[in-house]
Amino acid sequence: MMQAQQQISRRTVARIEDRIHLGPDAQVDDKSLMFSPRAPALTDPFLVLVDDLFSEPGFEWHPHRGLETVTLVLDGVLEHGDSIGNSGTLTAGDIQWMTAGRGIIHRELAFRNERAHILQLWVNLPADKKMVDSRYQDLLAAGRPAIDHDGAHIDLISGATGGLTGPALTHWPISGSMITMEPGRSLDHVLPGQDRAFFTVLSGAVSIAGRTVTARQTAWSDPLPDADLSVIGLRTGDGDTPTEVLTFSGPPIRQPVAMGGPMVMNTPAEIEQAFRDFHSGGFGAVPRQARLRYR
């Protein structure tokens, strides 16, 4: 008996967001929100995408609970460490995927206090996964699989496409990749139908489902619950330089979101408990790890 064919639907863009430029603060030389956490139901399962450029002080020891952070190094060298014993440096193109789970303490600094430019995505976790064990993953640029097809280069971070699977282990079915397209090219990007997807243009410009999206803008495509698989069309115009697009997708969790600084839970009471646990040592001791030595 032949298996029923999967239904493939073509996606549209629901909305396009401009970045919110915040400028310098006590930790960074410059900060922007590519998208904000103001309306989590519209971005579910994603919470925020932050663009940070810093030299010093950067982000010294601080806690997280109930979410995963995905940090992409755009430029410079990022020095990192955490309370479960991980430390090291990441360079341009490298990615850190950290599961905070029930509680972790970590820091992110510019190596030698020189320069680090990062994008950090906060990925929500469902209630039954918020207290999983903390986990850290290095997803180095040189070790990630990639697909090259007709002027498009797809660097896989998580999820599966084209017969390849990204290296990230996830607690929620998240697909992510970096797409680089030469001018005058087209690509049908395949996604699970139930996913919500975003496309953040890092450089250049691209037409996504017929709508023009330029650098520092993010296009959103909402779930198609009746479709098994879906495609969304990307097309670049004429020009001399490639276009870079960061894209992630995942099915909405559809649960209440309570955010308290670095903690993301389902209720305000759980946020209060998270801070009590941190201050009483429930996340472990704040590490006394020295800065990494120069090589």
C-alpha atoms as a PDB file:
ATOM      1  CA  MET A   1       0.000   0.000   0.000  1.00  0.00           C
ATOM      2  CA  MET A   2       1.362   3.400  -0.929  1.00  0.00           C
ATOM      3  CA  GLN A   3       1.877   5.854   1.902  1.00  0.00           C
ATOM      4  CA  ALA A   4      -0.084   9.094   1.754  1.00  0.00           C
ATOM      5  CA  GLN A   5       1.952  11.919   0.313  1.00  0.00           C
ATOM      6  CA  GLN A   6       2.897  14.736   2.623  1.00  0.00           C
ATOM      7  CA  GLN A   7       1.126  17.999   1.948  1.00  0.00           C
ATOM      8  CA  ILE A   8       3.542  20.791   1.045  1.00  0.00           C
ATOM      9  CA  SER A   9       2.259  24.354   1.296  1.00  0.00           C
ATOM     10  CA  ARG A  10       3.839  27.633   0.286  1.00  0.00           C
ATOM     11  CA  ARG A  11       4.395  30.112   3.102  1.00  0.00           C
ATOM     12  CA  THR A  12       3.820  33.829   3.320  1.00  0.00           C
ATOM     13  CA  VAL A  13       5.391  36.567   5.454  1.00  0.00           C
ATOM     14  CA  ALA A  14       3.109  37.697   8.266  1.00  0.00           C
ATOM     15  CA  ARG A  15       5.074  40.794   9.274  1.00  0.00           C
ATOM     16  CA  ILE A  16       8.471  42.496   9.063  1.00  0.00           C
ATOM     17  CA  GLU A  17      10.166  44.082  12.070  1.00  0.00           C
ATOM     18  CA  ASP A  18      12.869  46.740  12.120  1.00  0.00           C
ATOM     19  CA  ARG A  19      15.655  46.379  14.652  1.00  0.00           C
ATOM     20  CA  ILE A  20      15.420  48.484  17.815  1.00  0.00           C
ATOM     21  CA  HIS A  21      18.705  50.313  18.353  1.00  0.00           C
ATOM     22  CA  LEU A  22      19.406  50.871  22.057  1.00  0.00           C
ATOM     23  CA  GLY A  23      23.017  52.097  21.920  1.00  0.00           C
ATOM     24  CA  PRO A  24      25.679  51.669  24.622  1.00  0.00           C
ATOM     25  CA  ASP A  25      25.046  50.715  28.232  1.00  0.00           C
ATOM     26  CA  ALA A  26      27.092  49.703  31.274  1.00  0.00           C
ATOM     27  CA  GLN A  27      28.023  46.353  29.720  1.00  0.00           C
ATOM     28  CA  VAL A  28      28.298  46.929  25.971  1.00  0.00           C
ATOM     29  CA  ASP A  29      29.538  49.466  23.453  1.00  0.00           C
ATOM     30  CA  ASP A  30      26.397  49.032  21.355  1.00  0.00           C
ATOM     31  CA  LYS A  31      23.171  47.031  21.627  1.00  0.00           C
ATOM     32  CA  SER A  32      20.217  46.393  19.351  1.00  0.00           C
ATOM     33  CA  LEU A  33      17.183  44.139  19.513  1.00  0.00           C
ATOM     34  CA  MET A  34      16.573  42.414  16.202  1.00  0.00           C
ATOM     35  CA  PHE A  35      13.251  41.467  17.727  1.00  0.00           C
ATOM     36  CA  SER A  36      12.019  42.092  21.244  1.00  0.00           C
ATOM     37  CA  PRO A  37      10.257  40.019  23.934  1.00  0.00           C
ATOM     38  CA  ARG A  38       7.316  42.418  24.190  1.00  0.00           C
ATOM     39  CA  ALA A  39       4.798  40.048  22.551  1.00  0.00           C
ATOM     40  CA  PRO A  40       5.997  36.470  23.170  1.00  0.00           C
ATOM     41  CA  ALA A  41       2.833  34.933  21.701  1.00  0.00           C
ATOM     42  CA  LEU A  42       3.802  36.395  18.298  1.00  0.00           C
ATOM     43  CA  THR A  43       7.369  35.036  18.399  1.00  0.00           C
ATOM     44  CA  ASP A  44       6.742  31.727  20.273  1.00  0.00           C
ATOM     45  CA  PRO A  45       8.927  29.618  20.735  1.00  0.00           C
ATOM     46  CA  PHE A  46      11.519  32.406  20.408  1.00  0.00           C
ATOM     47  CA  LEU A  47      11.842  35.188  22.951  1.00  0.00           C
ATOM     48  CA  VAL A  48      14.395  37.764  21.802  1.00  0.00           C
ATOM     49  CA  LEU A  49      17.332  38.200  19.407  1.00  0.00           C
ATOM     50  CA  VAL A  50      19.979  40.618  20.711  1.00  0.00           C
ATOM     51  CA  ASP A  51      22.898  42.156  18.813  1.00  0.00           C
ATOM     52  CA  ASP A  52      25.747  43.076  21.223  1.00  0.00           C
ATOM     53  CA  LEU A  53      29.109  44.682  20.494  1.00  0.00           C
ATOM     54  CA  PHE A  54      31.444  44.959  23.478  1.00  0.00           C
ATOM     55  CA  SER A  55      35.014  45.228  24.651  1.00  0.00           C
ATOM     56  CA  GLU A  56      34.712  45.551  28.431  1.00  0.00           C
ATOM     57  CA  PRO A  57      33.222  44.792  30.839  1.00  0.00           C
ATOM     58  CA  GLY A  58      30.902  42.518  28.841  1.00  0.00           C
ATOM     59  CA  PHE A  59      28.695  40.095  30.742  1.00  0.00           C
ATOM     60  CA  GLU A  60      30.250  38.898  33.998  1.00  0.00           C
ATOM     61  CA  TRP A  61      28.837  35.995  36.031  1.00  0.00           C
ATOM     62  CA  HIS A  62      25.029  35.877  35.866  1.00  0.00           C
ATOM     63  CA  PRO A  63      22.371  33.142  36.172  1.00  0.00           C
ATOM     64  CA  HIS A  64      19.779  31.704  33.789  1.00  0.00           C
ATOM     65  CA  ARG A  65      16.903  29.263  34.213  1.00  0.00           C
ATOM     66  CA  GLY A  66      14.152  27.870  31.996  1.00  0.00           C
ATOM     67  CA  LEU A  67      15.489  28.645  28.518  1.00  0.00           C
ATOM     68  CA  GLU A  68      18.234  27.993  25.992  1.00  0.00           C
ATOM     69  CA  THR A  69      20.585  30.655  24.636  1.00  0.00           C
ATOM     70  CA  VAL A  70      22.111  30.393  21.170  1.00  0.00           C
ATOM     71  CA  THR A  71      25.092  32.720  20.714  1.00  0.00           C
ATOM     72  CA  LEU A  72      26.593  33.363  17.270  1.00  0.00           C
ATOM     73  CA  VAL A  73      29.935  35.160  17.101  1.00  0.00           C
ATOM     74  CA  LEU A  74      29.880  37.637  14.216  1.00  0.00           C
ATOM     75  CA  ASP A  75      33.312  39.192  14.786  1.00  0.00           C
ATOM     76  CA  GLY A  76      36.143  39.193  17.297  1.00  0.00           C
ATOM     77  CA  VAL A  77      36.728  36.551  19.968  1.00  0.00           C
ATOM     78  CA  LEU A  78      34.247  35.614  22.696  1.00  0.00           C
ATOM     79  CA  GLU A  79      35.598  34.280  25.995  1.00  0.00           C
ATOM     80  CA  HIS A  80      33.125  32.220  27.986  1.00  0.00           C
ATOM     81  CA  GLY A  81      32.844  30.127  31.130  1.00  0.00           C
ATOM     82  CA  ASP A  82      30.107  28.516  33.215  1.00  0.00           C
ATOM     83  CA  SER A  83      29.323  26.834  36.509  1.00  0.00           C
ATOM     84  CA  ILE A  84      29.359  23.302  35.054  1.00  0.00           C
ATOM     85  CA  GLY A  85      33.011  23.547  34.087  1.00  0.00           C
ATOM     86  CA  ASN A  86      33.022  24.751  30.491  1.00  0.00           C
ATOM     87  CA  SER A  87      35.338  27.528  29.339  1.00  0.00           C
ATOM     88  CA  GLY A  88      37.077  28.617  26.178  1.00  0.00           C
ATOM     89  CA  THR A  89      36.979  30.989  23.254  1.00  0.00           C
ATOM     90  CA  LEU A  90      34.813  31.197  20.158  1.00  0.00           C
ATOM     91  CA  THR A  91      35.690  33.052  16.971  1.00  0.00           C
ATOM     92  CA  ALA A  92      33.707  34.435  14.038  1.00  0.00           C
ATOM     93  CA  GLY A  93      31.169  31.907  12.784  1.00  0.00           C
ATOM     94  CA  ASP A  94      31.247  29.755  15.923  1.00  0.00           C
ATOM     95  CA  ILE A  95      28.083  29.130  17.920  1.00  0.00           C
ATOM     96  CA  GLN A  96      27.437  28.346  21.582  1.00  0.00           C
ATOM     97  CA  TRP A  97      24.179  26.542  22.378  1.00  0.00           C
ATOM     98  CA  MET A  98      23.559  26.618  26.125  1.00  0.00           C
ATOM     99  CA  THR A  99      20.678  24.935  27.904  1.00  0.00           C
ATOM    100  CA  ALA A 100      20.146  26.795  31.147  1.00  0.00           C
ATOM    101  CA  GLY A 101      17.534  24.308  32.320  1.00  0.00           C
ATOM    102  CA  ARG A 102      17.175  24.267  36.088  1.00  0.00           C
ATOM    103  CA  GLY A 103      19.999  26.706  36.585  1.00  0.00           C
ATOM    104  CA  ILE A 104      23.401  27.761  35.311  1.00  0.00           C
ATOM    105  CA  ILE A 105      25.788  30.645  35.986  1.00  0.00           C
ATOM    106  CA  HIS A 106      27.931  31.846  33.106  1.00  0.00           C
ATOM    107  CA  ARG A 107      29.804  34.795  31.658  1.00  0.00           C
ATOM    108  CA  GLU A 108      30.543  36.163  28.193  1.00  0.00           C
ATOM    109  CA  LEU A 109      33.493  38.496  27.752  1.00  0.00           C
ATOM    110  CA  ALA A 110      35.623  39.888  24.952  1.00  0.00           C
ATOM    111  CA  PHE A 111      38.915  37.962  24.944  1.00  0.00           C
ATOM    112  CA  ARG A 112      41.700  40.295  26.111  1.00  0.00           C
ATOM    113  CA  ASN A 113      38.949  42.939  26.475  1.00  0.00           C
ATOM    114  CA  GLU A 114      39.454  43.663  22.791  1.00  0.00           C
ATOM    115  CA  ARG A 115      36.286  43.111  20.752  1.00  0.00           C
ATOM    116  CA  ALA A 116      33.394  40.687  20.523  1.00  0.00           C
ATOM    117  CA  HIS A 117      30.338  41.103  18.318  1.00  0.00           C
ATOM    118  CA  ILE A 118      27.610  38.555  18.953  1.00  0.00           C
ATOM    119  CA  LEU A 119      24.002  37.721  18.221  1.00  0.00           C
ATOM    120  CA  GLN A 120      22.190  35.923  21.033  1.00  0.00           C
ATOM    121  CA  LEU A 121      18.863  34.165  20.536  1.00  0.00           C
ATOM    122  CA  TRP A 122      16.735  33.139  23.527  1.00  0.00           C
ATOM    123  CA  VAL A 123      14.758  29.946  22.864  1.00  0.00           C
ATOM    124  CA  ASN A 124      11.928  29.123  25.249  1.00  0.00           C
ATOM    125  CA  LEU A 125      11.426  25.669  26.784  1.00  0.00           C
ATOM    126  CA  PRO A 126       8.086  24.015  27.595  1.00  0.00           C
ATOM    127  CA  ALA A 127       7.113  23.624  31.249  1.00  0.00           C
ATOM    128  CA  ASP A 128       8.178  19.980  31.423  1.00  0.00           C
ATOM    129  CA  LYS A 129      11.662  20.859  30.077  1.00  0.00           C
ATOM    130  CA  LYS A 130      12.408  24.022  32.046  1.00  0.00           C
ATOM    131  CA  MET A 131      14.138  22.124  34.852  1.00  0.00           C
ATOM    132  CA  VAL A 132      16.230  19.755  32.724  1.00  0.00           C
ATOM    133  CA  ASP A 133      19.933  19.414  33.444  1.00  0.00           C
ATOM    134  CA  SER A 134      22.053  22.295  32.209  1.00  0.00           C
ATOM    135  CA  ARG A 135      24.054  21.601  29.063  1.00  0.00           C
ATOM    136  CA  TYR A 136      26.638  23.347  26.909  1.00  0.00           C
ATOM    137  CA  GLN A 137      27.419  22.742  23.233  1.00  0.00           C
ATOM    138  CA  ASP A 138      30.192  24.172  21.051  1.00  0.00           C
ATOM    139  CA  LEU A 139      29.020  24.289  17.423  1.00  0.00           C
ATOM    140  CA  LEU A 140      32.204  25.373  15.692  1.00  0.00           C
ATOM    141  CA  ALA A 141      31.967  26.765  12.186  1.00  0.00           C
ATOM    142  CA  ALA A 142      34.452  24.257  10.793  1.00  0.00           C
ATOM    143  CA  GLY A 143      32.443  21.289  12.090  1.00  0.00           C
ATOM    144  CA  ARG A 144      28.937  22.185  10.902  1.00  0.00           C
ATOM    145  CA  PRO A 145      27.524  20.580   7.748  1.00  0.00           C
ATOM    146  CA  ALA A 146      26.642  22.786   4.810  1.00  0.00           C
ATOM    147  CA  ILE A 147      24.740  22.588   1.547  1.00  0.00           C
ATOM    148  CA  ASP A 148      25.816  24.449  -1.594  1.00  0.00           C
ATOM    149  CA  HIS A 149      23.250  24.729  -4.355  1.00  0.00           C
ATOM    150  CA  ASP A 150      23.061  27.164  -7.258  1.00  0.00           C
ATOM    151  CA  GLY A 151      24.605  30.168  -5.530  1.00  0.00           C
ATOM    152  CA  ALA A 152      23.122  29.463  -2.093  1.00  0.00           C
ATOM    153  CA  HIS A 153      25.191  28.247   0.866  1.00  0.00           C
ATOM    154  CA  ILE A 154      23.186  26.788   3.782  1.00  0.00           C
ATOM    155  CA  ASP A 155      25.170  26.387   7.010  1.00  0.00           C
ATOM    156  CA  LEU A 156      23.189  23.996   9.229  1.00  0.00           C
ATOM    157  CA  ILE A 157      22.956  24.688  12.958  1.00  0.00           C
ATOM    158  CA  SER A 158      20.045  22.477  14.017  1.00  0.00           C
ATOM    159  CA  GLY A 159      17.299  20.426  12.435  1.00  0.00           C
ATOM    160  CA  ALA A 160      17.420  18.547   9.141  1.00  0.00           C
ATOM    161  CA  THR A 161      17.293  19.632   5.526  1.00  0.00           C
ATOM    162  CA  GLY A 162      18.572  18.248   2.243  1.00  0.00           C
ATOM    163  CA  GLY A 163      19.527  14.948   3.860  1.00  0.00           C
ATOM    164  CA  LEU A 164      21.823  16.607   6.412  1.00  0.00           C
ATOM    165  CA  THR A 165      21.270  17.345  10.102  1.00  0.00           C
ATOM    166  CA  GLY A 166      22.693  20.233  12.102  1.00  0.00           C
ATOM    167  CA  PRO A 167      24.859  19.320  15.112  1.00  0.00           C
ATOM    168  CA  ALA A 168      22.834  21.002  17.881  1.00  0.00           C
ATOM    169  CA  LEU A 169      20.986  18.781  20.342  1.00  0.00           C
ATOM    170  CA  THR A 170      17.691  20.432  21.245  1.00  0.00           C
ATOM    171  CA  HIS A 171      14.965  19.921  23.860  1.00  0.00           C
ATOM    172  CA  TRP A 172      12.349  21.374  21.482  1.00  0.00           C
ATOM    173  CA  PRO A 173      12.349  20.711  17.712  1.00  0.00           C
ATOM    174  CA  ILE A 174      14.201  23.823  16.569  1.00  0.00           C
ATOM    175  CA  SER A 175      15.649  24.184  13.060  1.00  0.00           C
ATOM    176  CA  GLY A 176      18.303  26.807  12.394  1.00  0.00           C
ATOM    177  CA  SER A 177      20.711  27.767   9.653  1.00  0.00           C
ATOM    178  CA  MET A 178      22.698  30.604   8.169  1.00  0.00           C
ATOM    179  CA  ILE A 179      21.898  31.167   4.502  1.00  0.00           C
ATOM    180  CA  THR A 180      24.272  33.051   2.204  1.00  0.00           C
ATOM    181  CA  MET A 181      23.001  33.825  -1.299  1.00  0.00           C
ATOM    182  CA  GLU A 182      24.808  35.314  -4.259  1.00  0.00           C
ATOM    183  CA  PRO A 183      23.054  38.091  -6.206  1.00  0.00           C
ATOM    184  CA  GLY A 184      20.345  37.029  -8.652  1.00  0.00           C
ATOM    185  CA  ARG A 185      19.614  33.669  -7.033  1.00  0.00           C
ATOM    186  CA  SER A 186      16.506  31.862  -5.798  1.00  0.00           C
ATOM    187  CA  LEU A 187      16.004  29.316  -3.043  1.00  0.00           C
ATOM    188  CA  ASP A 188      12.971  27.403  -1.784  1.00  0.00           C
ATOM    189  CA  HIS A 189      13.656  26.907   1.923  1.00  0.00           C
ATOM    190  CA  VAL A 190      11.840  23.871   3.340  1.00  0.00           C
ATOM    191  CA  LEU A 191      10.327  23.999   6.846  1.00  0.00           C
ATOM    192  CA  PRO A 192       7.960  21.860   8.919  1.00  0.00           C
ATOM    193  CA  GLY A 193       4.459  23.198   8.390  1.00  0.00           C
ATOM    194  CA  GLN A 194       3.709  23.615  12.105  1.00  0.00           C
ATOM    195  CA  ASP A 195       6.767  25.819  12.706  1.00  0.00           C
ATOM    196  CA  ARG A 196       6.889  29.561  13.256  1.00  0.00           C
ATOM    197  CA  ALA A 197       9.941  30.902  11.415  1.00  0.00           C
ATOM    198  CA  PHE A 198      11.953  34.093  11.410  1.00  0.00           C
ATOM    199  CA  PHE A 199      14.485  35.379   8.882  1.00  0.00           C
ATOM    200  CA  THR A 200      16.886  38.078  10.096  1.00  0.00           C
ATOM    201  CA  VAL A 201      18.863  39.726   7.311  1.00  0.00           C
ATOM    202  CA  LEU A 202      22.415  40.417   8.488  1.00  0.00           C
ATOM    203  CA  SER A 203      23.666  41.944   5.238  1.00  0.00           C
ATOM    204  CA  GLY A 204      22.274  42.690   1.817  1.00  0.00           C
ATOM    205  CA  ALA A 205      18.613  42.387   0.881  1.00  0.00           C
ATOM    206  CA  VAL A 206      16.314  39.550  -0.110  1.00  0.00           C
ATOM    207  CA  SER A 207      12.752  39.044  -1.270  1.00  0.00           C
ATOM    208  CA  ILE A 208      11.037  36.550   1.052  1.00  0.00           C
ATOM    209  CA  ALA A 209       7.691  35.258  -0.212  1.00  0.00           C
ATOM    210  CA  GLY A 210       7.578  38.340  -2.427  1.00  0.00           C
ATOM    211  CA  ARG A 211       8.316  40.908   0.301  1.00  0.00           C
ATOM    212  CA  THR A 212      11.598  42.808   0.393  1.00  0.00           C
ATOM    213  CA  VAL A 213      13.593  42.447   3.605  1.00  0.00           C
ATOM    214  CA  THR A 214      16.768  44.475   4.072  1.00  0.00           C
ATOM    215  CA  ALA A 215      19.701  44.381   6.493  1.00  0.00           C
ATOM    216  CA  ARG A 216      18.682  44.622  10.172  1.00  0.00           C
ATOM    217  CA  GLN A 217      15.105  43.614   9.446  1.00  0.00           C
ATOM    218  CA  THR A 218      13.387  40.381  10.511  1.00  0.00           C
ATOM    219  CA  ALA A 219      10.590  38.688   8.589  1.00  0.00           C
ATOM    220  CA  TRP A 220       8.184  36.329  10.356  1.00  0.00           C
ATOM    221  CA  SER A 221       6.229  33.436   8.873  1.00  0.00           C
ATOM    222  CA  ASP A 222       3.498  31.928  11.045  1.00  0.00           C
ATOM    223  CA  PRO A 223       2.629  28.222  11.359  1.00  0.00           C
ATOM    224  CA  LEU A 224       0.547  26.352   8.785  1.00  0.00           C
ATOM    225  CA  PRO A 225      -1.099  23.789  11.068  1.00  0.00           C
ATOM    226  CA  ASP A 226      -2.664  21.769   8.230  1.00  0.00           C
ATOM    227  CA  ALA A 227       0.611  21.315   6.328  1.00  0.00           C
ATOM    228  CA  ASP A 228       3.179  18.588   6.929  1.00  0.00           C
ATOM    229  CA  LEU A 229       5.922  20.441   5.080  1.00  0.00           C
ATOM    230  CA  SER A 230       6.144  23.960   3.754  1.00  0.00           C
ATOM    231  CA  VAL A 231       8.428  26.037   1.562  1.00  0.00           C
ATOM    232  CA  ILE A 232       9.176  29.734   1.511  1.00  0.00           C
ATOM    233  CA  GLY A 233      10.805  31.428  -1.442  1.00  0.00           C
ATOM    234  CA  LEU A 234      13.932  33.573  -1.092  1.00  0.00           C
ATOM    235  CA  ARG A 235      15.235  35.616  -4.029  1.00  0.00           C
ATOM    236  CA  THR A 236      18.133  38.058  -4.225  1.00  0.00           C
ATOM    237  CA  GLY A 237      18.315  40.936  -6.657  1.00  0.00           C
ATOM    238  CA  ASP A 238      21.152  42.302  -8.733  1.00  0.00           C
ATOM    239  CA  GLY A 239      24.303  43.575  -7.087  1.00  0.00           C
ATOM    240  CA  ASP A 240      27.888  42.775  -6.233  1.00  0.00           C
ATOM    241  CA  THR A 241      27.712  41.381  -2.708  1.00  0.00           C
ATOM    242  CA  PRO A 242      26.103  38.294  -1.130  1.00  0.00           C
ATOM    243  CA  THR A 243      23.136  38.427   1.227  1.00  0.00           C
ATOM    244  CA  GLU A 244      23.332  36.752   4.651  1.00  0.00           C
ATOM    245  CA  VAL A 245      20.203  35.567   6.444  1.00  0.00           C
ATOM    246  CA  LEU A 246      19.931  33.932   9.857  1.00  0.00           C
ATOM    247  CA  THR A 247      16.818  31.769  10.089  1.00  0.00           C
ATOM    248  CA  PHE A 248      15.300  29.672  12.856  1.00  0.00           C
ATOM    249  CA  SER A 249      11.981  27.885  13.140  1.00  0.00           C
ATOM    250  CA  GLY A 250      10.098  25.786  15.670  1.00  0.00           C
ATOM    251  CA  PRO A 251       6.554  24.887  16.665  1.00  0.00           C
ATOM    252  CA  PRO A 252       4.940  27.278  19.148  1.00  0.00           C
ATOM    253  CA  ILE A 253       4.887  26.046  22.757  1.00  0.00           C
ATOM    254  CA  ARG A 254       1.621  27.872  23.520  1.00  0.00           C
ATOM    255  CA  GLN A 255       2.182  28.225  27.258  1.00  0.00           C
ATOM    256  CA  PRO A 256       2.259  31.309  29.515  1.00  0.00           C
ATOM    257  CA  VAL A 257       5.577  33.166  29.542  1.00  0.00           C
ATOM    258  CA  ALA A 258       6.921  34.904  32.655  1.00  0.00           C
ATOM    259  CA  MET A 259      10.234  36.710  32.187  1.00  0.00           C
ATOM    260  CA  GLY A 260      12.316  38.030  35.057  1.00  0.00           C
ATOM    261  CA  GLY A 261      15.643  39.282  33.763  1.00  0.00           C
ATOM    262  CA  PRO A 262      17.672  36.147  32.955  1.00  0.00           C
ATOM    263  CA  MET A 263      14.947  33.733  34.139  1.00  0.00           C
ATOM    264  CA  VAL A 264      12.100  32.538  31.890  1.00  0.00           C
ATOM    265  CA  MET A 265       9.347  30.471  33.501  1.00  0.00           C
ATOM    266  CA  ASN A 266       5.566  30.103  33.228  1.00  0.00           C
ATOM    267  CA  THR A 267       4.429  32.093  36.278  1.00  0.00           C
ATOM    268  CA  PRO A 268       5.682  35.019  38.383  1.00  0.00           C
ATOM    269  CA  ALA A 269       5.845  32.674  41.393  1.00  0.00           C
ATOM    270  CA  GLU A 270       8.296  30.464  39.508  1.00  0.00           C
ATOM    271  CA  ILE A 271      10.430  33.509  38.694  1.00  0.00           C
ATOM    272  CA  GLU A 272      10.544  34.428  42.396  1.00  0.00           C
ATOM    273  CA  GLN A 273      11.505  30.846  43.245  1.00  0.00           C
ATOM    274  CA  ALA A 274      14.270  30.902  40.636  1.00  0.00           C
ATOM    275  CA  PHE A 275      15.869  33.958  42.226  1.00  0.00           C
ATOM    276  CA  ARG A 276      15.520  32.438  45.704  1.00  0.00           C
ATOM    277  CA  ASP A 277      17.226  29.283  44.474  1.00  0.00           C
ATOM    278  CA  PHE A 278      20.040  31.269  42.886  1.00  0.00           C
ATOM    279  CA  HIS A 279      20.679  33.426  45.961  1.00  0.00           C
ATOM    280  CA  SER A 280      20.593  30.392  48.276  1.00  0.00           C
ATOM    281  CA  GLY A 281      23.185  28.528  46.195  1.00  0.00           C
ATOM    282  CA  GLY A 282      20.778  26.281  44.325  1.00  0.00           C
ATOM    283  CA  PHE A 283      22.532  27.051  41.032  1.00  0.00           C
ATOM    284  CA  GLY A 284      25.896  26.225  42.585  1.00  0.00           C
ATOM    285  CA  ALA A 285      28.602  28.623  43.652  1.00  0.00           C
ATOM    286  CA  VAL A 286      29.530  31.580  41.483  1.00  0.00           C
ATOM    287  CA  PRO A 287      32.707  30.359  39.749  1.00  0.00           C
ATOM    288  CA  ARG A 288      36.050  31.839  40.723  1.00  0.00           C
ATOM    289  CA  GLN A 289      37.555  30.976  37.378  1.00  0.00           C
ATOM    290  CA  ALA A 290      40.377  33.283  36.285  1.00  0.00           C
ATOM    291  CA  ARG A 291      40.354  34.981  32.903  1.00  0.00           C
ATOM    292  CA  LEU A 292      41.821  32.909  30.093  1.00  0.00           C
ATOM    293  CA  ARG A 293      45.505  33.444  29.539  1.00  0.00           C
ATOM    294  CA  TYR A 294      46.866  34.954  26.363  1.00  0.00           C
ATOM    295  CA  ARG A 295      48.400  32.463  23.960  1.00  0.00           C
END
